[in-house]
Amino acid sequence: MLRFITFLSAVSLFSFAAPVPTPLFGIHFGAGTSSDAKPTTLSQATISSQLLRPALFSRVAYCSAPSVTALNCGAPCDAVKGISVVTAGGDDGEIPGFFIATDPSTQSVVVAHQGTEPDNILSIANDVQFAQVKMNSTLFPSAAEGVLVHDGFHKTQGRTADIVLSAVKNSLNSTGFKRVLVTGHSLGAAVATLDGVMLRMNLPSDVTVDAVGFGLPRVGNQEFADMVDQLFPTFTHVTNQKDPVPIVPPRFLSYQHASGEVHITAVDDKSGEATILECPGQENELFGYD
């Protein structure tokens, strides 16, 4: 648990009454809805059962593709022993590290993505292309009307989308599993969210798709957030105290988080246990982190 909390600890406004009708170079203005529903505290059992393993997979995604494939990346790989890696790739630049694996312990196929590599300008470029664009109609055939997403995240996800979709379908067929987990940290959480939407739209309805993101930035507009709420019965994004990543891009640029936020408010120095609040609704404001 202490390793998990250490990882989570590393995960690290304005509003207008109505959007401007004509965007400027893909930049939109306006803010969506917010919630004032009272947060509740997650139990340590829930943290262990629902957040621990996705966090471990997200950490593995930062290892090199060859070391992930061979499962010899040290402590991160040791923590997920028993998985079988189907494929791994990435260049720490335009294509962040990623892997697809089968996990017999949870009877699931896992897709995990690395976050931004701060020393690579191509990786950083994925984050700063914040104009909003329509979703690729081939990858996202049932995207709702009016949905717009972050251009850089959309492009980044598109570079591995075919590999992910093919590998997940093949893995489900070969194992008989009926569950997929998509996860990642920071930029990787944004790509994982888009992967989750793509997979939900392209896989049979009897396959469950779970999405868990750590330090997730805002990915799209109000319509995108509403679509995510409708698609996923279990969508979770973990925010950590005053980590700035989850509050960008800002809401006044017409970006909106989906529901499902759980927020780390404190970590006990002795036990390593975290106090984590489940924050109902979109953009919950009661704990002052927006």
C-alpha atoms as a PDB file:
ATOM      1  CA  MET A   1       0.000   0.000   0.000  1.00  0.00           C
ATOM      2  CA  LEU A   2       2.864   2.401   0.815  1.00  0.00           C
ATOM      3  CA  ARG A   3       4.285   1.964  -2.700  1.00  0.00           C
ATOM      4  CA  PHE A   4       0.845   2.700  -4.115  1.00  0.00           C
ATOM      5  CA  ILE A   5       0.478   5.901  -2.080  1.00  0.00           C
ATOM      6  CA  THR A   6       4.003   6.966  -3.049  1.00  0.00           C
ATOM      7  CA  PHE A   7       3.039   6.563  -6.704  1.00  0.00           C
ATOM      8  CA  LEU A   8      -0.228   8.454  -6.239  1.00  0.00           C
ATOM      9  CA  SER A   9       1.586  11.276  -4.492  1.00  0.00           C
ATOM     10  CA  ALA A  10       3.713  11.666  -7.622  1.00  0.00           C
ATOM     11  CA  VAL A  11       0.553  12.008  -9.688  1.00  0.00           C
ATOM     12  CA  SER A  12       0.734  15.039  -9.525  1.00  0.00           C
ATOM     13  CA  LEU A  13     -11.177  29.916 -12.542  1.00  0.00           C
ATOM     14  CA  PHE A  14     -12.867  31.498 -14.763  1.00  0.00           C
ATOM     15  CA  SER A  15     -16.356  30.928 -16.226  1.00  0.00           C
ATOM     16  CA  PHE A  16     -18.568  32.726 -18.682  1.00  0.00           C
ATOM     17  CA  ALA A  17     -22.325  32.648 -18.936  1.00  0.00           C
ATOM     18  CA  ALA A  18     -22.379  31.226 -22.454  1.00  0.00           C
ATOM     19  CA  PRO A  19     -19.864  29.997 -25.044  1.00  0.00           C
ATOM     20  CA  VAL A  20     -18.743  32.266 -27.822  1.00  0.00           C
ATOM     21  CA  PRO A  21     -20.643  31.055 -30.919  1.00  0.00           C
ATOM     22  CA  THR A  22     -17.673  31.230 -33.292  1.00  0.00           C
ATOM     23  CA  PRO A  23     -14.424  29.655 -32.014  1.00  0.00           C
ATOM     24  CA  LEU A  24     -11.083  31.288 -32.759  1.00  0.00           C
ATOM     25  CA  PHE A  25      -8.670  28.800 -34.403  1.00  0.00           C
ATOM     26  CA  GLY A  26     -10.363  25.939 -32.585  1.00  0.00           C
ATOM     27  CA  ILE A  27     -10.282  27.739 -29.223  1.00  0.00           C
ATOM     28  CA  HIS A  28     -13.680  27.780 -27.527  1.00  0.00           C
ATOM     29  CA  PHE A  29     -14.799  29.783 -24.508  1.00  0.00           C
ATOM     30  CA  GLY A  30     -17.342  29.008 -21.807  1.00  0.00           C
ATOM     31  CA  ALA A  31     -17.671  26.730 -18.807  1.00  0.00           C
ATOM     32  CA  GLY A  32     -19.824  23.686 -18.176  1.00  0.00           C
ATOM     33  CA  THR A  33     -21.747  22.466 -15.166  1.00  0.00           C
ATOM     34  CA  SER A  34     -20.398  21.819 -11.681  1.00  0.00           C
ATOM     35  CA  SER A  35     -21.532  19.803  -8.680  1.00  0.00           C
ATOM     36  CA  ASP A  36     -21.964  20.756  -5.040  1.00  0.00           C
ATOM     37  CA  ALA A  37     -22.815  17.236  -3.875  1.00  0.00           C
ATOM     38  CA  LYS A  38     -21.073  16.257  -0.644  1.00  0.00           C
ATOM     39  CA  PRO A  39     -17.945  14.082  -1.062  1.00  0.00           C
ATOM     40  CA  THR A  40     -17.674  10.842   0.887  1.00  0.00           C
ATOM     41  CA  THR A  41     -14.580   9.008   2.106  1.00  0.00           C
ATOM     42  CA  LEU A  42     -13.424   5.886   0.277  1.00  0.00           C
ATOM     43  CA  SER A  43     -12.640   2.875   2.432  1.00  0.00           C
ATOM     44  CA  GLN A  44      -9.131   1.435   2.415  1.00  0.00           C
ATOM     45  CA  ALA A  45     -10.642  -1.789   1.056  1.00  0.00           C
ATOM     46  CA  THR A  46     -12.068   0.089  -1.933  1.00  0.00           C
ATOM     47  CA  ILE A  47      -8.741   1.844  -2.535  1.00  0.00           C
ATOM     48  CA  SER A  48      -6.939  -1.508  -2.525  1.00  0.00           C
ATOM     49  CA  SER A  49      -9.448  -3.332  -4.720  1.00  0.00           C
ATOM     50  CA  GLN A  50     -10.175  -0.623  -7.287  1.00  0.00           C
ATOM     51  CA  LEU A  51      -7.156   1.692  -7.485  1.00  0.00           C
ATOM     52  CA  LEU A  52      -4.038  -0.238  -6.505  1.00  0.00           C
ATOM     53  CA  ARG A  53      -3.592  -2.480  -9.547  1.00  0.00           C
ATOM     54  CA  PRO A  54      -4.328   0.266 -12.112  1.00  0.00           C
ATOM     55  CA  ALA A  55      -1.724   2.431 -10.351  1.00  0.00           C
ATOM     56  CA  LEU A  56       0.834  -0.350 -10.634  1.00  0.00           C
ATOM     57  CA  PHE A  57       0.121  -0.764 -14.346  1.00  0.00           C
ATOM     58  CA  SER A  58       0.416   2.987 -14.883  1.00  0.00           C
ATOM     59  CA  ARG A  59       3.846   2.893 -13.269  1.00  0.00           C
ATOM     60  CA  VAL A  60       4.984   0.037 -15.532  1.00  0.00           C
ATOM     61  CA  ALA A  61       4.050   2.129 -18.587  1.00  0.00           C
ATOM     62  CA  TYR A  62       6.999   4.443 -17.795  1.00  0.00           C
ATOM     63  CA  CYS A  63       9.470   1.596 -18.354  1.00  0.00           C
ATOM     64  CA  SER A  64      11.064   0.978 -21.762  1.00  0.00           C
ATOM     65  CA  ALA A  65       9.154  -1.204 -24.207  1.00  0.00           C
ATOM     66  CA  PRO A  66      11.818  -3.957 -24.291  1.00  0.00           C
ATOM     67  CA  SER A  67      11.919  -4.169 -20.489  1.00  0.00           C
ATOM     68  CA  VAL A  68       8.123  -4.299 -20.275  1.00  0.00           C
ATOM     69  CA  THR A  69       7.954  -7.003 -22.930  1.00  0.00           C
ATOM     70  CA  ALA A  70      10.455  -9.089 -20.973  1.00  0.00           C
ATOM     71  CA  LEU A  71       8.919  -8.053 -17.623  1.00  0.00           C
ATOM     72  CA  ASN A  72      12.387  -7.198 -16.309  1.00  0.00           C
ATOM     73  CA  CYS A  73      11.937  -3.528 -15.377  1.00  0.00           C
ATOM     74  CA  GLY A  74      12.622  -4.100 -11.693  1.00  0.00           C
ATOM     75  CA  ALA A  75      10.153  -3.198  -8.948  1.00  0.00           C
ATOM     76  CA  PRO A  76       7.365  -1.939 -11.278  1.00  0.00           C
ATOM     77  CA  CYS A  77       7.265  -5.224 -13.195  1.00  0.00           C
ATOM     78  CA  ASP A  78       7.760  -7.324 -10.057  1.00  0.00           C
ATOM     79  CA  ALA A  79       4.577  -5.784  -8.649  1.00  0.00           C
ATOM     80  CA  VAL A  80       2.464  -7.131 -11.543  1.00  0.00           C
ATOM     81  CA  LYS A  81       3.915 -10.617 -11.868  1.00  0.00           C
ATOM     82  CA  GLY A  82       1.590 -13.043 -13.592  1.00  0.00           C
ATOM     83  CA  ILE A  83       0.578 -10.817 -16.493  1.00  0.00           C
ATOM     84  CA  SER A  84       1.425 -11.720 -20.076  1.00  0.00           C
ATOM     85  CA  VAL A  85       2.504  -8.786 -22.240  1.00  0.00           C
ATOM     86  CA  VAL A  86       0.917  -8.889 -25.683  1.00  0.00           C
ATOM     87  CA  THR A  87       2.739  -5.885 -27.118  1.00  0.00           C
ATOM     88  CA  ALA A  88       4.576  -2.784 -25.954  1.00  0.00           C
ATOM     89  CA  GLY A  89       5.862   0.285 -27.744  1.00  0.00           C
ATOM     90  CA  GLY A  90       6.391   4.023 -27.743  1.00  0.00           C
ATOM     91  CA  ASP A  91       9.262   6.423 -28.305  1.00  0.00           C
ATOM     92  CA  ASP A  92       8.915   8.796 -25.305  1.00  0.00           C
ATOM     93  CA  GLY A  93       7.977  11.477 -27.833  1.00  0.00           C
ATOM     94  CA  GLU A  94       5.014  11.632 -30.164  1.00  0.00           C
ATOM     95  CA  ILE A  95       4.130   8.118 -29.024  1.00  0.00           C
ATOM     96  CA  PRO A  96       4.278   7.810 -25.218  1.00  0.00           C
ATOM     97  CA  GLY A  97       5.179   4.382 -23.889  1.00  0.00           C
ATOM     98  CA  PHE A  98       2.320   1.892 -23.778  1.00  0.00           C
ATOM     99  CA  PHE A  99       1.611  -1.785 -23.384  1.00  0.00           C
ATOM    100  CA  ILE A 100      -1.249  -4.247 -23.733  1.00  0.00           C
ATOM    101  CA  ALA A 101      -1.290  -7.319 -21.503  1.00  0.00           C
ATOM    102  CA  THR A 102      -3.553 -10.057 -20.213  1.00  0.00           C
ATOM    103  CA  ASP A 103      -4.038 -10.290 -16.455  1.00  0.00           C
ATOM    104  CA  PRO A 104      -5.349 -13.678 -15.298  1.00  0.00           C
ATOM    105  CA  SER A 105      -5.680 -12.479 -11.702  1.00  0.00           C
ATOM    106  CA  THR A 106      -8.457 -10.078 -12.713  1.00  0.00           C
ATOM    107  CA  GLN A 107      -9.583 -11.932 -15.861  1.00  0.00           C
ATOM    108  CA  SER A 108      -8.966  -8.786 -17.896  1.00  0.00           C
ATOM    109  CA  VAL A 109      -7.034  -7.275 -20.773  1.00  0.00           C
ATOM    110  CA  VAL A 110      -4.970  -4.274 -19.671  1.00  0.00           C
ATOM    111  CA  VAL A 111      -4.049  -1.199 -21.717  1.00  0.00           C
ATOM    112  CA  ALA A 112      -1.673   1.272 -20.025  1.00  0.00           C
ATOM    113  CA  HIS A 113      -0.099   4.515 -21.256  1.00  0.00           C
ATOM    114  CA  GLN A 114       2.868   6.583 -20.113  1.00  0.00           C
ATOM    115  CA  GLY A 115       2.561  10.275 -19.256  1.00  0.00           C
ATOM    116  CA  THR A 116       4.493  13.210 -20.674  1.00  0.00           C
ATOM    117  CA  GLU A 117       8.278  12.845 -20.946  1.00  0.00           C
ATOM    118  CA  PRO A 118       9.465  16.295 -19.749  1.00  0.00           C
ATOM    119  CA  ASP A 119      12.831  16.041 -21.511  1.00  0.00           C
ATOM    120  CA  ASN A 120      11.320  15.384 -24.947  1.00  0.00           C
ATOM    121  CA  ILE A 121       9.897  18.355 -26.860  1.00  0.00           C
ATOM    122  CA  LEU A 122       7.765  16.063 -29.026  1.00  0.00           C
ATOM    123  CA  SER A 123       6.145  14.619 -25.924  1.00  0.00           C
ATOM    124  CA  ILE A 124       5.466  18.084 -24.519  1.00  0.00           C
ATOM    125  CA  ALA A 125       3.939  19.081 -27.874  1.00  0.00           C
ATOM    126  CA  ASN A 126       1.219  16.481 -27.294  1.00  0.00           C
ATOM    127  CA  ASP A 127       0.037  18.530 -24.304  1.00  0.00           C
ATOM    128  CA  VAL A 128       0.100  22.054 -25.679  1.00  0.00           C
ATOM    129  CA  GLN A 129      -2.082  21.517 -28.760  1.00  0.00           C
ATOM    130  CA  PHE A 130      -5.203  22.473 -26.817  1.00  0.00           C
ATOM    131  CA  ALA A 131      -7.500  23.591 -29.640  1.00  0.00           C
ATOM    132  CA  GLN A 132     -10.664  21.471 -29.674  1.00  0.00           C
ATOM    133  CA  VAL A 133     -11.431  19.176 -32.606  1.00  0.00           C
ATOM    134  CA  LYS A 134     -14.103  16.689 -33.597  1.00  0.00           C
ATOM    135  CA  MET A 135     -13.423  13.027 -32.878  1.00  0.00           C
ATOM    136  CA  ASN A 136     -12.260  10.658 -35.621  1.00  0.00           C
ATOM    137  CA  SER A 137     -15.470   9.112 -36.924  1.00  0.00           C
ATOM    138  CA  THR A 138     -13.765   5.809 -37.769  1.00  0.00           C
ATOM    139  CA  LEU A 139     -12.319   5.269 -34.303  1.00  0.00           C
ATOM    140  CA  PHE A 140     -15.299   6.818 -32.517  1.00  0.00           C
ATOM    141  CA  PRO A 141     -18.282   5.872 -34.707  1.00  0.00           C
ATOM    142  CA  SER A 142     -20.962   6.874 -32.208  1.00  0.00           C
ATOM    143  CA  ALA A 143     -19.473  10.080 -30.841  1.00  0.00           C
ATOM    144  CA  ALA A 144     -22.290  12.332 -29.744  1.00  0.00           C
ATOM    145  CA  GLU A 145     -23.212  15.487 -31.625  1.00  0.00           C
ATOM    146  CA  GLY A 146     -21.167  18.483 -30.519  1.00  0.00           C
ATOM    147  CA  VAL A 147     -18.391  16.481 -28.866  1.00  0.00           C
ATOM    148  CA  LEU A 148     -14.999  18.190 -29.085  1.00  0.00           C
ATOM    149  CA  VAL A 149     -11.686  17.030 -27.638  1.00  0.00           C
ATOM    150  CA  HIS A 150      -8.136  18.270 -27.077  1.00  0.00           C
ATOM    151  CA  ASP A 151      -6.299  18.193 -30.414  1.00  0.00           C
ATOM    152  CA  GLY A 152      -2.985  16.987 -28.991  1.00  0.00           C
ATOM    153  CA  PHE A 153      -4.522  14.185 -26.925  1.00  0.00           C
ATOM    154  CA  HIS A 154      -6.652  13.138 -29.891  1.00  0.00           C
ATOM    155  CA  LYS A 155      -3.633  12.942 -32.202  1.00  0.00           C
ATOM    156  CA  THR A 156      -1.580  11.071 -29.614  1.00  0.00           C
ATOM    157  CA  GLN A 157      -4.281   8.473 -29.062  1.00  0.00           C
ATOM    158  CA  GLY A 158      -4.720   8.058 -32.808  1.00  0.00           C
ATOM    159  CA  ARG A 159      -1.080   7.035 -33.282  1.00  0.00           C
ATOM    160  CA  THR A 160      -1.605   3.793 -31.345  1.00  0.00           C
ATOM    161  CA  ALA A 161      -5.367   3.328 -31.721  1.00  0.00           C
ATOM    162  CA  ASP A 162      -5.234   0.631 -34.409  1.00  0.00           C
ATOM    163  CA  ILE A 163      -2.657  -1.380 -32.452  1.00  0.00           C
ATOM    164  CA  VAL A 164      -4.648  -1.088 -29.233  1.00  0.00           C
ATOM    165  CA  LEU A 165      -7.977  -2.010 -30.799  1.00  0.00           C
ATOM    166  CA  SER A 166      -6.549  -4.988 -32.684  1.00  0.00           C
ATOM    167  CA  ALA A 167      -4.520  -6.313 -29.744  1.00  0.00           C
ATOM    168  CA  VAL A 168      -7.442  -5.978 -27.330  1.00  0.00           C
ATOM    169  CA  LYS A 169      -9.841  -7.771 -29.680  1.00  0.00           C
ATOM    170  CA  ASN A 170      -7.356 -10.591 -30.285  1.00  0.00           C
ATOM    171  CA  SER A 171      -6.621 -10.918 -26.569  1.00  0.00           C
ATOM    172  CA  LEU A 172     -10.287 -11.077 -25.639  1.00  0.00           C
ATOM    173  CA  ASN A 173     -10.813 -13.778 -28.256  1.00  0.00           C
ATOM    174  CA  SER A 174      -7.792 -15.845 -27.190  1.00  0.00           C
ATOM    175  CA  THR A 175      -8.457 -15.679 -23.442  1.00  0.00           C
ATOM    176  CA  GLY A 176     -12.233 -15.565 -23.297  1.00  0.00           C
ATOM    177  CA  PHE A 177     -12.003 -12.648 -20.860  1.00  0.00           C
ATOM    178  CA  LYS A 178     -14.900 -10.182 -20.795  1.00  0.00           C
ATOM    179  CA  ARG A 179     -13.223  -7.196 -19.132  1.00  0.00           C
ATOM    180  CA  VAL A 180     -10.805  -4.493 -20.292  1.00  0.00           C
ATOM    181  CA  LEU A 181      -8.951  -2.029 -18.059  1.00  0.00           C
ATOM    182  CA  VAL A 182      -7.493   1.159 -19.533  1.00  0.00           C
ATOM    183  CA  THR A 183      -5.228   3.244 -17.337  1.00  0.00           C
ATOM    184  CA  GLY A 184      -2.452   5.798 -17.341  1.00  0.00           C
ATOM    185  CA  HIS A 185      -0.979   8.829 -15.646  1.00  0.00           C
ATOM    186  CA  SER A 186      -1.172  12.479 -16.781  1.00  0.00           C
ATOM    187  CA  LEU A 187      -1.004  12.516 -20.607  1.00  0.00           C
ATOM    188  CA  GLY A 188      -1.293   8.732 -20.369  1.00  0.00           C
ATOM    189  CA  ALA A 189      -4.560   9.113 -18.481  1.00  0.00           C
ATOM    190  CA  ALA A 190      -5.929  11.322 -21.260  1.00  0.00           C
ATOM    191  CA  VAL A 191      -4.925   8.785 -23.918  1.00  0.00           C
ATOM    192  CA  ALA A 192      -6.365   5.965 -21.814  1.00  0.00           C
ATOM    193  CA  THR A 193      -9.659   7.843 -21.501  1.00  0.00           C
ATOM    194  CA  LEU A 194      -9.880   8.165 -25.279  1.00  0.00           C
ATOM    195  CA  ASP A 195      -8.900   4.501 -25.645  1.00  0.00           C
ATOM    196  CA  GLY A 196     -11.693   3.599 -23.275  1.00  0.00           C
ATOM    197  CA  VAL A 197     -14.228   5.533 -25.322  1.00  0.00           C
ATOM    198  CA  MET A 198     -12.957   3.920 -28.533  1.00  0.00           C
ATOM    199  CA  LEU A 199     -13.076   0.423 -27.052  1.00  0.00           C
ATOM    200  CA  ARG A 200     -16.541   0.906 -25.581  1.00  0.00           C
ATOM    201  CA  MET A 201     -17.808   1.967 -29.013  1.00  0.00           C
ATOM    202  CA  ASN A 202     -16.117  -0.902 -30.864  1.00  0.00           C
ATOM    203  CA  LEU A 203     -16.372  -3.917 -28.556  1.00  0.00           C
ATOM    204  CA  PRO A 204     -19.395  -6.157 -27.910  1.00  0.00           C
ATOM    205  CA  SER A 205     -21.753  -4.972 -25.206  1.00  0.00           C
ATOM    206  CA  ASP A 206     -20.989  -8.006 -23.022  1.00  0.00           C
ATOM    207  CA  VAL A 207     -17.397  -6.788 -22.567  1.00  0.00           C
ATOM    208  CA  THR A 208     -16.928  -4.446 -19.588  1.00  0.00           C
ATOM    209  CA  VAL A 209     -14.542  -1.520 -20.099  1.00  0.00           C
ATOM    210  CA  ASP A 210     -13.154   0.085 -16.932  1.00  0.00           C
ATOM    211  CA  ALA A 211     -11.160   3.324 -17.064  1.00  0.00           C
ATOM    212  CA  VAL A 212      -8.943   4.551 -14.220  1.00  0.00           C
ATOM    213  CA  GLY A 213      -6.774   7.627 -14.741  1.00  0.00           C
ATOM    214  CA  PHE A 214      -4.237   9.257 -12.409  1.00  0.00           C
ATOM    215  CA  GLY A 215      -3.631  12.994 -12.670  1.00  0.00           C
ATOM    216  CA  LEU A 216      -6.001  13.235 -15.637  1.00  0.00           C
ATOM    217  CA  PRO A 217      -6.093  16.592 -17.447  1.00  0.00           C
ATOM    218  CA  ARG A 218      -9.372  17.727 -18.962  1.00  0.00           C
ATOM    219  CA  VAL A 219      -9.829  15.953 -22.290  1.00  0.00           C
ATOM    220  CA  GLY A 220     -12.854  17.567 -23.936  1.00  0.00           C
ATOM    221  CA  ASN A 221     -15.885  19.790 -23.679  1.00  0.00           C
ATOM    222  CA  GLN A 222     -19.159  19.450 -21.771  1.00  0.00           C
ATOM    223  CA  GLU A 223     -20.607  17.168 -24.458  1.00  0.00           C
ATOM    224  CA  PHE A 224     -17.559  14.917 -24.212  1.00  0.00           C
ATOM    225  CA  ALA A 225     -17.858  14.743 -20.427  1.00  0.00           C
ATOM    226  CA  ASP A 226     -21.551  13.883 -20.706  1.00  0.00           C
ATOM    227  CA  MET A 227     -20.774  11.167 -23.254  1.00  0.00           C
ATOM    228  CA  VAL A 228     -18.152   9.617 -20.948  1.00  0.00           C
ATOM    229  CA  ASP A 229     -20.688   9.602 -18.108  1.00  0.00           C
ATOM    230  CA  GLN A 230     -23.138   7.751 -20.333  1.00  0.00           C
ATOM    231  CA  LEU A 231     -20.615   5.233 -21.676  1.00  0.00           C
ATOM    232  CA  PHE A 232     -18.909   4.149 -18.448  1.00  0.00           C
ATOM    233  CA  PRO A 233     -20.607   2.783 -15.349  1.00  0.00           C
ATOM    234  CA  THR A 234     -17.163   2.857 -13.679  1.00  0.00           C
ATOM    235  CA  PHE A 235     -14.983   5.770 -14.800  1.00  0.00           C
ATOM    236  CA  THR A 236     -12.507   6.942 -12.170  1.00  0.00           C
ATOM    237  CA  HIS A 237      -9.950   9.735 -12.230  1.00  0.00           C
ATOM    238  CA  VAL A 238      -7.677  10.239  -9.235  1.00  0.00           C
ATOM    239  CA  THR A 239      -6.510  13.735  -8.283  1.00  0.00           C
ATOM    240  CA  ASN A 240      -3.841  14.426  -5.694  1.00  0.00           C
ATOM    241  CA  GLN A 241      -4.048  17.429  -3.377  1.00  0.00           C
ATOM    242  CA  LYS A 242      -2.800  20.433  -5.393  1.00  0.00           C
ATOM    243  CA  ASP A 243      -1.422  18.668  -8.468  1.00  0.00           C
ATOM    244  CA  PRO A 244      -2.008  21.252 -11.247  1.00  0.00           C
ATOM    245  CA  VAL A 245      -2.433  18.797 -14.134  1.00  0.00           C
ATOM    246  CA  PRO A 246      -6.112  17.948 -13.486  1.00  0.00           C
ATOM    247  CA  ILE A 247      -7.110  21.622 -13.654  1.00  0.00           C
ATOM    248  CA  VAL A 248      -5.770  22.145 -17.180  1.00  0.00           C
ATOM    249  CA  PRO A 249      -6.847  23.014 -19.763  1.00  0.00           C
ATOM    250  CA  PRO A 250      -8.925  25.557 -17.803  1.00  0.00           C
ATOM    251  CA  ARG A 251     -12.685  25.424 -17.731  1.00  0.00           C
ATOM    252  CA  PHE A 252     -13.056  28.855 -19.328  1.00  0.00           C
ATOM    253  CA  LEU A 253     -11.683  27.310 -22.537  1.00  0.00           C
ATOM    254  CA  SER A 254     -14.761  25.057 -22.615  1.00  0.00           C
ATOM    255  CA  TYR A 255     -13.056  22.030 -21.059  1.00  0.00           C
ATOM    256  CA  GLN A 256     -14.935  19.817 -18.622  1.00  0.00           C
ATOM    257  CA  HIS A 257     -14.137  16.768 -16.497  1.00  0.00           C
ATOM    258  CA  ALA A 258     -16.488  13.806 -16.547  1.00  0.00           C
ATOM    259  CA  SER A 259     -17.852  12.431 -13.285  1.00  0.00           C
ATOM    260  CA  GLY A 260     -15.869   9.905 -11.300  1.00  0.00           C
ATOM    261  CA  GLU A 261     -13.269  12.017  -9.506  1.00  0.00           C
ATOM    262  CA  VAL A 262     -11.681  10.674  -6.348  1.00  0.00           C
ATOM    263  CA  HIS A 263      -9.398  13.118  -4.567  1.00  0.00           C
ATOM    264  CA  ILE A 264      -6.448  12.447  -2.251  1.00  0.00           C
ATOM    265  CA  THR A 265      -6.629  14.943   0.611  1.00  0.00           C
ATOM    266  CA  ALA A 266      -3.963  13.561   2.949  1.00  0.00           C
ATOM    267  CA  VAL A 267      -1.471  10.729   3.408  1.00  0.00           C
ATOM    268  CA  ASP A 268      -0.610   9.341   6.843  1.00  0.00           C
ATOM    269  CA  ASP A 269       3.173   9.488   7.311  1.00  0.00           C
ATOM    270  CA  LYS A 270       3.296   6.381   9.498  1.00  0.00           C
ATOM    271  CA  SER A 271       0.843   3.989   7.849  1.00  0.00           C
ATOM    272  CA  GLY A 272       1.112   5.281   4.299  1.00  0.00           C
ATOM    273  CA  GLU A 273      -2.672   5.179   4.054  1.00  0.00           C
ATOM    274  CA  ALA A 274      -4.349   7.936   2.104  1.00  0.00           C
ATOM    275  CA  THR A 275      -7.578   9.739   2.833  1.00  0.00           C
ATOM    276  CA  ILE A 276      -9.417   9.790  -0.490  1.00  0.00           C
ATOM    277  CA  LEU A 277     -12.749  11.469  -1.133  1.00  0.00           C
ATOM    278  CA  GLU A 278     -15.249  10.323  -3.739  1.00  0.00           C
ATOM    279  CA  CYS A 279     -16.562  13.518  -5.343  1.00  0.00           C
ATOM    280  CA  PRO A 280     -20.010  13.132  -6.945  1.00  0.00           C
ATOM    281  CA  GLY A 281     -20.873  14.745 -10.258  1.00  0.00           C
ATOM    282  CA  GLN A 282     -18.773  16.716 -12.700  1.00  0.00           C
ATOM    283  CA  GLU A 283     -16.307  19.338 -11.453  1.00  0.00           C
ATOM    284  CA  ASN A 284     -17.224  18.932  -7.795  1.00  0.00           C
ATOM    285  CA  GLU A 285     -16.459  22.228  -6.030  1.00  0.00           C
ATOM    286  CA  LEU A 286     -17.047  21.500  -2.359  1.00  0.00           C
ATOM    287  CA  PHE A 287     -13.431  20.778  -1.490  1.00  0.00           C
ATOM    288  CA  GLY A 288     -12.113  23.799  -3.384  1.00  0.00           C
ATOM    289  CA  TYR A 289     -10.104  22.004  -6.079  1.00  0.00           C
ATOM    290  CA  ASP A 290     -11.305  23.148  -9.476  1.00  0.00           C
END
